[in-house]
N, C-alpha and C. Protein backbone atom coordinates (compact mmCIF):
# COMPACT_ATOMS: atom_id res chain seq x y z
N MET A 1 63.82 10.86 -3.27
CA MET A 1 62.80 10.67 -4.18
C MET A 1 61.19 10.12 -3.50
N ILE A 2 60.22 10.47 -3.71
CA ILE A 2 58.89 10.46 -3.28
C ILE A 2 58.19 9.29 -4.26
N ARG A 3 58.02 8.44 -2.96
CA ARG A 3 56.79 7.80 -3.15
C ARG A 3 55.64 7.90 -3.10
N PHE A 4 54.78 7.76 -4.15
CA PHE A 4 53.40 7.84 -4.56
C PHE A 4 52.72 6.08 -4.52
N LEU A 5 51.40 5.55 -3.69
CA LEU A 5 50.97 4.54 -4.02
C LEU A 5 49.80 4.93 -4.22
N THR A 6 49.60 4.59 -5.83
CA THR A 6 48.27 4.96 -6.32
C THR A 6 47.28 3.31 -6.46
N PRO A 7 46.27 4.17 -6.90
CA PRO A 7 45.86 2.81 -7.31
C PRO A 7 45.57 2.29 -8.64
N ALA A 8 45.92 0.90 -9.32
CA ALA A 8 45.82 0.62 -10.38
C ALA A 8 44.26 0.17 -10.99
N VAL A 9 44.27 0.28 -11.88
CA VAL A 9 42.95 0.00 -12.90
C VAL A 9 43.15 -2.03 -12.93
N THR A 10 42.63 -2.57 -11.99
CA THR A 10 42.81 -4.08 -11.64
C THR A 10 41.93 -4.67 -11.59
N ALA A 11 41.60 -5.64 -11.80
CA ALA A 11 40.38 -6.50 -11.34
C ALA A 11 40.52 -7.14 -9.70
N SER A 12 41.57 -7.45 -9.64
CA SER A 12 41.94 -8.37 -8.19
C SER A 12 42.07 -7.07 -7.09
N ALA A 13 41.37 -7.10 -6.04
CA ALA A 13 41.48 -6.68 -4.93
C ALA A 13 43.08 -6.31 -4.56
N ALA A 14 43.90 -7.60 -4.71
CA ALA A 14 45.24 -7.12 -4.27
C ALA A 14 46.24 -6.88 -5.20
N ALA A 15 46.08 -6.29 -6.37
CA ALA A 15 46.74 -5.93 -7.24
C ALA A 15 46.20 -4.20 -7.25
N LEU A 16 45.24 -3.50 -6.47
CA LEU A 16 44.25 -2.59 -6.53
C LEU A 16 46.04 -1.27 -6.48
N TRP A 17 46.93 -1.60 -5.63
CA TRP A 17 47.70 -0.85 -5.49
C TRP A 17 49.10 -1.07 -6.24
N ARG A 18 49.78 -0.12 -6.69
CA ARG A 18 51.10 0.15 -7.23
C ARG A 18 51.54 1.00 -7.15
N GLN A 19 53.08 0.62 -6.76
CA GLN A 19 54.25 1.94 -6.70
C GLN A 19 54.79 3.04 -7.52
N VAL A 20 54.78 3.83 -7.31
CA VAL A 20 55.28 4.64 -8.70
C VAL A 20 56.35 5.88 -7.94
N GLU A 21 57.52 5.83 -8.09
CA GLU A 21 58.94 6.50 -7.59
C GLU A 21 58.71 7.36 -8.28
N LEU A 22 59.22 8.72 -8.08
CA LEU A 22 59.11 9.97 -8.65
C LEU A 22 60.25 10.74 -8.79
N PRO A 23 61.22 11.14 -9.51
CA PRO A 23 62.65 11.34 -9.15
C PRO A 23 62.59 12.71 -8.15
N ALA A 24 63.46 12.82 -7.45
CA ALA A 24 63.41 14.25 -6.93
C ALA A 24 63.84 15.54 -7.51
N THR A 25 63.66 15.33 -8.65
CA THR A 25 63.82 16.84 -9.37
C THR A 25 62.73 16.89 -10.10
N GLN A 26 61.75 16.38 -9.89
CA GLN A 26 60.18 16.84 -10.29
C GLN A 26 59.95 18.08 -9.66
N HIS A 27 59.25 18.86 -10.31
CA HIS A 27 58.76 20.40 -9.52
C HIS A 27 57.37 20.51 -9.70
N ALA A 28 56.68 21.60 -9.02
CA ALA A 28 55.18 21.73 -8.85
C ALA A 28 54.74 21.94 -10.41
N ALA A 29 55.63 22.01 -11.36
CA ALA A 29 55.31 21.84 -12.61
C ALA A 29 54.49 20.96 -13.26
N SER A 30 55.19 19.79 -12.85
CA SER A 30 54.63 18.76 -13.01
C SER A 30 53.48 18.10 -12.02
N LEU A 31 53.01 18.81 -10.96
CA LEU A 31 52.20 18.40 -10.00
C LEU A 31 50.75 19.45 -10.75
N GLU A 32 51.35 20.87 -11.15
CA GLU A 32 49.96 21.10 -12.07
C GLU A 32 49.25 20.61 -13.53
N LYS A 33 50.64 20.36 -14.18
CA LYS A 33 50.19 19.50 -15.20
C LYS A 33 49.19 18.50 -15.12
N MET A 34 49.24 17.88 -14.44
CA MET A 34 48.85 16.54 -13.67
C MET A 34 47.09 17.29 -13.30
N ALA A 35 47.30 18.08 -12.57
CA ALA A 35 46.00 18.85 -11.67
C ALA A 35 45.39 19.43 -13.25
N GLU A 36 46.28 19.80 -13.96
CA GLU A 36 44.98 20.67 -15.30
C GLU A 36 44.47 19.25 -16.01
N ARG A 37 45.55 18.62 -15.94
CA ARG A 37 44.45 17.07 -16.48
C ARG A 37 43.28 16.24 -16.17
N ALA A 38 43.63 16.67 -14.90
CA ALA A 38 42.61 16.39 -13.99
C ALA A 38 40.95 17.49 -14.22
N ALA A 39 41.48 18.38 -14.02
CA ALA A 39 40.46 19.56 -14.30
C ALA A 39 39.91 19.49 -15.44
N ALA A 40 40.58 19.50 -16.90
CA ALA A 40 40.10 19.34 -17.78
C ALA A 40 39.27 18.26 -17.87
N SER A 41 39.26 17.08 -17.38
CA SER A 41 38.25 15.71 -17.31
C SER A 41 37.46 16.15 -17.14
N LEU A 42 36.88 16.97 -15.58
CA LEU A 42 36.39 17.65 -14.73
C LEU A 42 35.08 18.92 -15.48
N ARG A 43 36.28 19.44 -16.10
CA ARG A 43 35.16 20.46 -16.83
C ARG A 43 34.46 20.34 -17.86
N ALA A 44 35.06 18.85 -18.71
CA ALA A 44 34.12 18.20 -19.82
C ALA A 44 33.09 17.45 -19.28
N SER A 45 32.92 17.22 -18.15
CA SER A 45 32.14 16.92 -17.33
C SER A 45 30.98 17.64 -16.71
N PRO A 46 30.50 17.94 -17.08
CA PRO A 46 29.47 18.83 -16.64
C PRO A 46 28.83 17.81 -14.93
N GLY A 47 28.69 18.89 -14.17
CA GLY A 47 27.92 18.18 -12.95
C GLY A 47 28.29 17.18 -12.41
N GLU A 48 29.65 16.60 -12.78
CA GLU A 48 30.56 16.26 -11.66
C GLU A 48 31.47 16.72 -10.66
N ARG A 49 31.63 16.39 -9.98
CA ARG A 49 32.30 17.36 -8.79
C ARG A 49 33.29 16.66 -7.83
N VAL A 50 34.24 17.20 -7.25
CA VAL A 50 35.21 16.64 -6.49
C VAL A 50 35.67 16.72 -5.47
N SER A 51 36.02 16.39 -4.27
CA SER A 51 36.02 16.73 -2.83
C SER A 51 37.54 15.97 -2.16
N CYS A 52 38.37 16.46 -1.66
CA CYS A 52 39.83 15.93 -1.74
C CYS A 52 40.17 16.21 0.18
N PHE A 53 40.55 15.22 0.64
CA PHE A 53 41.07 15.05 1.78
C PHE A 53 42.39 14.41 1.89
N GLU A 54 43.19 15.21 2.12
CA GLU A 54 44.81 15.17 2.73
C GLU A 54 45.15 15.15 4.05
N SER A 55 46.31 14.81 3.61
CA SER A 55 47.33 14.49 5.13
C SER A 55 48.42 14.71 5.04
N THR A 56 49.44 13.73 4.08
CA THR A 56 50.85 13.90 4.24
C THR A 56 51.52 15.53 3.26
N THR A 57 50.36 15.29 2.27
CA THR A 57 50.68 15.93 1.14
C THR A 57 49.91 17.47 1.59
N GLY A 58 49.74 17.85 2.89
CA GLY A 58 49.10 18.98 2.96
C GLY A 58 47.97 20.39 2.65
N GLY A 59 47.92 19.40 1.52
CA GLY A 59 46.89 20.38 0.70
C GLY A 59 46.69 20.40 -0.41
N LEU A 60 48.02 19.61 -1.00
CA LEU A 60 48.33 19.90 -2.39
C LEU A 60 47.59 20.12 -3.67
N ILE A 61 47.06 18.42 -3.39
CA ILE A 61 46.02 18.24 -4.32
C ILE A 61 44.89 19.06 -4.56
N GLN A 62 44.22 19.35 -3.81
CA GLN A 62 42.96 20.57 -3.64
C GLN A 62 43.46 21.35 -4.22
N ALA A 63 44.85 22.20 -3.53
CA ALA A 63 44.98 23.47 -4.10
C ALA A 63 45.30 23.30 -5.91
N SER A 64 45.87 22.56 -5.83
CA SER A 64 46.68 22.36 -7.74
C SER A 64 45.13 22.04 -8.31
N LEU A 65 44.19 21.27 -7.91
CA LEU A 65 42.58 21.05 -8.74
C LEU A 65 42.00 22.83 -8.45
N LEU A 66 42.27 23.37 -7.35
CA LEU A 66 41.84 25.11 -7.26
C LEU A 66 42.47 25.68 -8.19
N ALA A 67 43.66 26.05 -8.77
CA ALA A 67 44.84 27.15 -9.12
C ALA A 67 43.95 26.81 -11.05
N SER A 68 43.05 25.67 -11.24
CA SER A 68 42.78 25.69 -12.96
C SER A 68 41.33 26.29 -12.64
N PRO A 69 41.44 27.13 -13.95
CA PRO A 69 40.53 27.71 -13.99
C PRO A 69 38.98 27.38 -14.32
N GLY A 70 37.81 27.97 -13.32
CA GLY A 70 36.71 27.35 -13.67
C GLY A 70 36.61 26.83 -12.47
N ALA A 71 37.42 26.39 -11.39
CA ALA A 71 37.32 25.32 -10.29
C ALA A 71 36.50 25.47 -9.23
N SER A 72 35.45 26.57 -9.00
CA SER A 72 34.41 26.52 -8.70
C SER A 72 33.21 25.34 -9.62
N ALA A 73 33.28 25.23 -10.66
CA ALA A 73 32.08 24.08 -11.14
C ALA A 73 32.51 23.18 -10.91
N PHE A 74 33.39 22.10 -10.27
CA PHE A 74 33.70 21.01 -10.27
C PHE A 74 34.25 20.70 -8.52
N THR A 75 34.60 21.47 -7.55
CA THR A 75 35.31 21.42 -6.91
C THR A 75 33.92 21.68 -5.83
N THR A 76 33.97 20.51 -4.35
CA THR A 76 32.95 20.70 -3.56
C THR A 76 33.52 21.01 -1.90
N CYS A 77 34.63 20.48 -1.49
CA CYS A 77 34.68 20.73 -0.62
C CYS A 77 36.07 19.65 -0.24
N GLY A 78 36.82 19.79 1.52
CA GLY A 78 38.05 19.24 1.44
C GLY A 78 38.71 19.42 2.95
N ALA A 79 39.47 18.88 3.45
CA ALA A 79 40.10 18.60 4.57
C ALA A 79 41.52 18.53 3.96
N VAL A 80 42.18 19.05 5.23
CA VAL A 80 44.03 18.67 5.38
C VAL A 80 43.77 18.33 6.90
N THR A 81 43.80 17.06 7.51
CA THR A 81 44.02 16.60 8.74
C THR A 81 45.20 16.02 8.89
N TYR A 82 46.27 16.22 10.11
CA TYR A 82 47.31 15.19 9.73
C TYR A 82 47.28 13.81 10.60
N THR A 83 46.93 13.80 11.20
CA THR A 83 46.89 12.38 12.50
C THR A 83 45.11 12.26 12.61
N ALA A 84 44.75 11.05 12.63
CA ALA A 84 43.69 10.30 12.93
C ALA A 84 42.50 10.98 14.18
N SER A 85 43.56 10.68 15.38
CA SER A 85 43.16 11.47 16.49
C SER A 85 42.77 13.39 15.78
N ARG A 86 43.50 14.08 15.27
CA ARG A 86 42.87 15.31 14.94
C ARG A 86 41.77 15.11 13.90
N ALA A 87 41.90 13.86 13.43
CA ALA A 87 40.96 13.52 11.88
C ALA A 87 39.54 14.27 12.88
N VAL A 88 39.19 13.30 13.40
CA VAL A 88 37.95 12.92 14.34
C VAL A 88 37.09 14.52 14.18
N GLY A 89 38.11 15.71 14.75
CA GLY A 89 37.44 16.81 14.87
C GLY A 89 36.74 17.03 13.74
N VAL A 90 37.63 17.11 12.64
CA VAL A 90 37.03 17.78 11.34
C VAL A 90 36.37 17.26 10.25
N LEU A 91 36.48 15.55 9.93
CA LEU A 91 36.34 14.88 9.66
C LEU A 91 34.51 13.69 9.96
N GLY A 92 34.85 13.90 11.30
CA GLY A 92 33.92 13.19 12.56
C GLY A 92 34.66 12.17 13.03
N PRO A 93 33.48 11.27 14.02
CA PRO A 93 33.38 10.10 14.52
C PRO A 93 34.20 8.81 13.58
N ASN A 94 33.34 9.02 12.37
CA ASN A 94 34.01 7.64 11.73
C ASN A 94 35.18 8.36 10.80
N ALA A 95 36.27 8.92 10.99
CA ALA A 95 37.35 9.16 10.23
C ALA A 95 38.18 7.93 11.01
N ARG A 96 38.20 8.00 11.89
CA ARG A 96 39.62 6.12 12.37
C ARG A 96 38.21 4.98 11.38
N PRO A 97 38.98 4.25 10.15
CA PRO A 97 38.68 3.46 9.59
C PRO A 97 38.26 2.50 10.36
N LEU A 98 37.51 1.38 9.63
CA LEU A 98 37.92 0.10 10.44
C LEU A 98 37.87 -0.14 11.93
N GLY A 99 37.32 1.08 12.13
CA GLY A 99 36.75 1.14 13.83
C GLY A 99 38.35 0.34 14.44
N GLU A 100 39.90 0.87 13.89
CA GLU A 100 40.86 0.95 14.86
C GLU A 100 40.74 1.45 16.16
N PRO A 101 41.36 1.01 17.34
CA PRO A 101 41.47 1.36 18.46
C PRO A 101 42.57 2.60 18.62
N LEU A 102 42.34 3.58 19.71
CA LEU A 102 43.45 4.61 19.70
C LEU A 102 44.25 4.13 21.07
N ASP A 103 45.63 4.97 20.96
CA ASP A 103 46.38 4.48 22.12
C ASP A 103 45.95 5.51 23.50
N ARG A 104 46.58 5.76 24.23
CA ARG A 104 46.37 6.62 24.95
C ARG A 104 46.97 8.26 24.65
N HIS A 105 46.91 8.10 23.36
CA HIS A 105 47.74 9.76 22.93
C HIS A 105 46.69 9.91 21.87
N GLY A 106 45.52 9.57 21.72
CA GLY A 106 44.63 9.47 20.69
C GLY A 106 45.16 8.93 19.14
N HIS A 107 46.12 8.34 19.03
CA HIS A 107 46.86 7.80 18.16
C HIS A 107 46.22 6.58 17.55
N ARG A 108 46.18 6.18 16.41
CA ARG A 108 45.85 4.76 16.23
C ARG A 108 47.16 4.11 16.54
N CYS A 109 46.81 2.52 17.08
CA CYS A 109 48.07 1.56 17.53
C CYS A 109 48.84 1.33 16.54
N ARG A 110 49.79 1.23 17.28
CA ARG A 110 51.13 1.34 15.66
C ARG A 110 51.14 -0.03 15.39
N PRO A 111 51.60 0.13 13.92
CA PRO A 111 51.51 -1.42 13.25
C PRO A 111 52.95 -1.88 13.55
N GLN A 112 52.91 -3.62 13.46
CA GLN A 112 53.96 -4.06 14.20
C GLN A 112 55.31 -4.45 13.20
N ASN A 113 55.05 -3.61 11.43
CA ASN A 113 56.21 -3.62 10.64
C ASN A 113 55.79 -2.71 9.76
N ALA A 114 56.67 -2.35 9.13
CA ALA A 114 56.93 -1.38 7.36
C ALA A 114 55.22 -1.79 6.66
N ALA A 115 55.36 -2.84 6.69
CA ALA A 115 54.68 -3.30 5.48
C ALA A 115 52.93 -3.15 6.06
N GLU A 116 52.88 -3.52 7.75
CA GLU A 116 51.45 -3.15 7.97
C GLU A 116 51.45 -1.76 8.32
N TYR A 117 52.37 -1.22 8.14
CA TYR A 117 52.36 0.69 8.03
C TYR A 117 51.42 0.58 7.19
N VAL A 118 52.45 0.83 5.97
CA VAL A 118 52.15 1.32 4.75
C VAL A 118 50.28 0.51 4.39
N ALA A 119 50.29 -0.89 4.66
CA ALA A 119 48.80 -1.14 4.27
C ALA A 119 47.31 -0.54 5.21
N SER A 120 48.12 0.22 7.16
CA SER A 120 47.06 0.47 7.24
C SER A 120 47.01 1.84 6.78
N LYS A 121 47.84 2.59 5.96
CA LYS A 121 47.51 4.09 5.50
C LYS A 121 46.74 3.60 3.92
N GLN A 122 47.14 2.32 3.66
CA GLN A 122 46.44 2.44 2.49
C GLN A 122 44.95 2.10 2.69
N GLU A 123 44.82 0.96 3.47
CA GLU A 123 43.35 0.62 4.12
C GLU A 123 42.68 2.34 4.61
N ARG A 124 43.05 2.89 5.62
CA ARG A 124 42.54 3.84 5.66
C ARG A 124 41.82 5.22 4.50
N VAL A 125 42.83 5.26 3.47
CA VAL A 125 42.25 6.24 2.23
C VAL A 125 41.35 5.52 1.55
N VAL A 126 40.63 4.68 1.49
CA VAL A 126 40.47 3.67 0.74
C VAL A 126 39.18 4.23 1.52
N ALA A 127 39.10 3.30 2.68
CA ALA A 127 37.74 3.77 3.70
C ALA A 127 37.07 5.11 3.70
N LEU A 128 38.25 5.76 3.85
CA LEU A 128 38.25 7.37 4.36
C LEU A 128 37.56 7.77 2.66
N ALA A 129 37.91 7.73 1.61
CA ALA A 129 37.33 7.92 -0.16
C ALA A 129 35.89 7.45 -0.18
N ARG A 130 35.81 6.28 -0.18
CA ARG A 130 34.55 5.79 -0.33
C ARG A 130 33.40 6.46 0.88
N ARG A 131 33.78 6.41 1.98
CA ARG A 131 32.78 7.16 3.10
C ARG A 131 32.65 8.72 2.59
N LYS A 132 33.35 9.53 2.29
CA LYS A 132 33.26 10.98 2.19
C LYS A 132 33.34 11.34 0.66
N ARG A 133 32.96 10.23 -0.17
CA ARG A 133 32.51 10.62 -1.26
C ARG A 133 30.56 10.32 -1.27
N LEU A 134 30.38 9.33 -0.28
CA LEU A 134 28.79 9.33 0.13
C LEU A 134 28.21 10.52 0.60
N GLU A 135 29.36 11.08 2.15
CA GLU A 135 28.87 11.83 2.53
C GLU A 135 28.73 13.44 2.00
N THR A 136 29.47 13.56 1.13
CA THR A 136 29.58 14.97 0.29
C THR A 136 28.72 15.10 -0.86
N GLY A 137 28.81 13.89 -1.33
CA GLY A 137 27.39 13.66 -2.91
C GLY A 137 28.40 14.16 -3.82
N SER A 138 29.71 14.24 -3.45
CA SER A 138 30.78 14.37 -4.64
C SER A 138 31.05 13.04 -5.95
N THR A 139 31.05 12.99 -7.05
CA THR A 139 31.49 12.22 -7.81
C THR A 139 32.63 11.46 -7.76
N TRP A 140 33.73 12.26 -7.34
CA TRP A 140 35.03 11.65 -7.57
C TRP A 140 35.64 12.56 -5.91
N CYS A 141 35.94 11.37 -4.83
CA CYS A 141 36.91 11.69 -3.92
C CYS A 141 38.24 11.30 -3.92
N VAL A 142 39.09 12.47 -3.94
CA VAL A 142 40.62 11.66 -3.81
C VAL A 142 40.85 11.80 -2.37
N CYS A 143 41.61 10.99 -1.84
CA CYS A 143 42.28 10.97 -0.33
C CYS A 143 43.68 10.36 -0.33
N GLU A 144 44.33 10.98 0.89
CA GLU A 144 45.89 10.94 0.73
C GLU A 144 46.42 10.57 2.31
N ASN A 145 46.95 9.84 2.61
CA ASN A 145 47.28 9.60 3.79
C ASN A 145 48.94 9.39 3.74
N GLY A 146 49.70 9.16 4.09
CA GLY A 146 51.05 8.30 4.22
C GLY A 146 51.98 8.71 5.30
N ALA A 147 52.90 8.78 5.18
CA ALA A 147 54.10 9.43 6.24
C ALA A 147 55.56 10.22 6.00
N CYS A 148 55.77 10.92 6.08
CA CYS A 148 56.63 12.07 5.44
C CYS A 148 58.27 12.62 6.59
N GLY A 149 57.39 11.88 7.71
CA GLY A 149 58.29 13.03 8.96
C GLY A 149 59.07 11.73 9.99
N PRO A 150 59.57 12.12 11.05
CA PRO A 150 60.25 11.04 11.96
C PRO A 150 59.46 10.13 12.28
N THR A 151 58.40 9.74 12.52
CA THR A 151 57.09 9.26 13.52
C THR A 151 57.03 7.90 12.70
N PHE A 152 57.33 7.76 11.66
CA PHE A 152 57.49 6.29 11.29
C PHE A 152 58.83 5.22 10.89
N ASN A 153 59.50 5.38 11.92
CA ASN A 153 60.90 4.87 12.05
C ASN A 153 60.45 3.33 12.08
N TYR A 154 60.50 2.98 11.16
CA TYR A 154 60.53 1.16 10.92
C TYR A 154 61.61 1.13 10.52
N ALA A 155 62.81 0.00 10.70
CA ALA A 155 63.97 -0.06 9.74
C ALA A 155 63.44 -1.16 8.62
N ASP A 156 62.71 -1.25 8.00
CA ASP A 156 62.76 -1.61 6.62
C ASP A 156 61.62 -0.72 5.84
N LEU A 157 61.74 0.53 6.32
CA LEU A 157 60.95 1.74 5.98
C LEU A 157 62.11 2.61 5.59
N GLU A 158 62.18 3.01 4.42
CA GLU A 158 64.00 3.87 4.45
C GLU A 158 63.29 5.29 3.73
N ALA A 159 61.95 5.62 2.97
CA ALA A 159 61.77 6.88 2.52
C ALA A 159 60.26 7.15 2.36
N GLY A 160 59.76 8.40 2.68
CA GLY A 160 58.31 8.48 3.13
C GLY A 160 57.63 8.63 1.78
N PHE A 161 56.32 7.74 2.64
CA PHE A 161 55.18 7.75 1.35
C PHE A 161 54.30 8.64 1.12
N SER A 162 53.32 8.29 -0.01
CA SER A 162 51.85 8.74 -0.13
C SER A 162 50.95 7.51 -0.60
N ALA A 163 50.10 7.26 0.20
CA ALA A 163 48.81 6.67 -0.36
C ALA A 163 47.62 7.26 -1.13
N ILE A 164 47.25 7.20 -2.31
CA ILE A 164 46.28 8.23 -2.92
C ILE A 164 45.26 7.21 -3.01
N TRP A 165 43.78 7.55 -2.87
CA TRP A 165 42.58 6.62 -3.72
C TRP A 165 42.05 7.02 -4.17
N VAL A 166 41.39 7.06 -5.19
CA VAL A 166 39.96 7.74 -5.45
C VAL A 166 39.02 7.12 -5.95
N SER A 167 38.08 7.82 -4.81
CA SER A 167 36.86 6.93 -5.40
C SER A 167 35.74 7.23 -6.32
N GLY A 168 35.27 7.01 -6.97
CA GLY A 168 34.69 6.86 -8.48
C GLY A 168 33.43 6.16 -8.97
N PRO A 169 32.67 7.13 -9.50
CA PRO A 169 32.01 5.35 -10.27
C PRO A 169 32.87 4.57 -10.93
C-alpha cells in the first residue's frame, strides 16, 4: 500500500494535511488519468505554468504531466533530488527548509520519532513549494518528499509515504 499525504482544502493550518491510502493494485494508468485531469485544467487556463520538484517519486509527477499533449505550454521546470544534502547543489542554498542544521554526513538532523519524521517531510514540501513557485515564476509548484527505503526505520512507521504540496494562487 502506498500512502500519499496531500493538502486538504480547509481553513485550519493543522487540518491542511490528510492521509489518502491507495491500494497496491493501482497502476500507472491511474497516475496517467490524474495527470491528464491536471493537464486539461492547465491547458484551459492560458498563461498558467507549473513546476515540479520531487524526491521519493523520482520524477513521476512531472513525467506524467509532460506526457500530456501540449505540455510545453504549461510546464516550466523541475528537478528530482533525493536527499537534502544533494538538493542544495541543484536547488540552491535555500533547499534546506527552515534553516535546519545538517549532520556530519550532510543530512538533516534525525527526528526523534515517526510523527516528527513525517512532519519534517511535510514542512519541507510546504516551504520548498512556496519558495520555488516564487523563484521560478510558475503559477503552480508541486513539491514532493517522503520515505520509501530503509533509512526511515522508525518503529512506529510501518510503510513508506509521500508528502505532496501544491503551492498556487
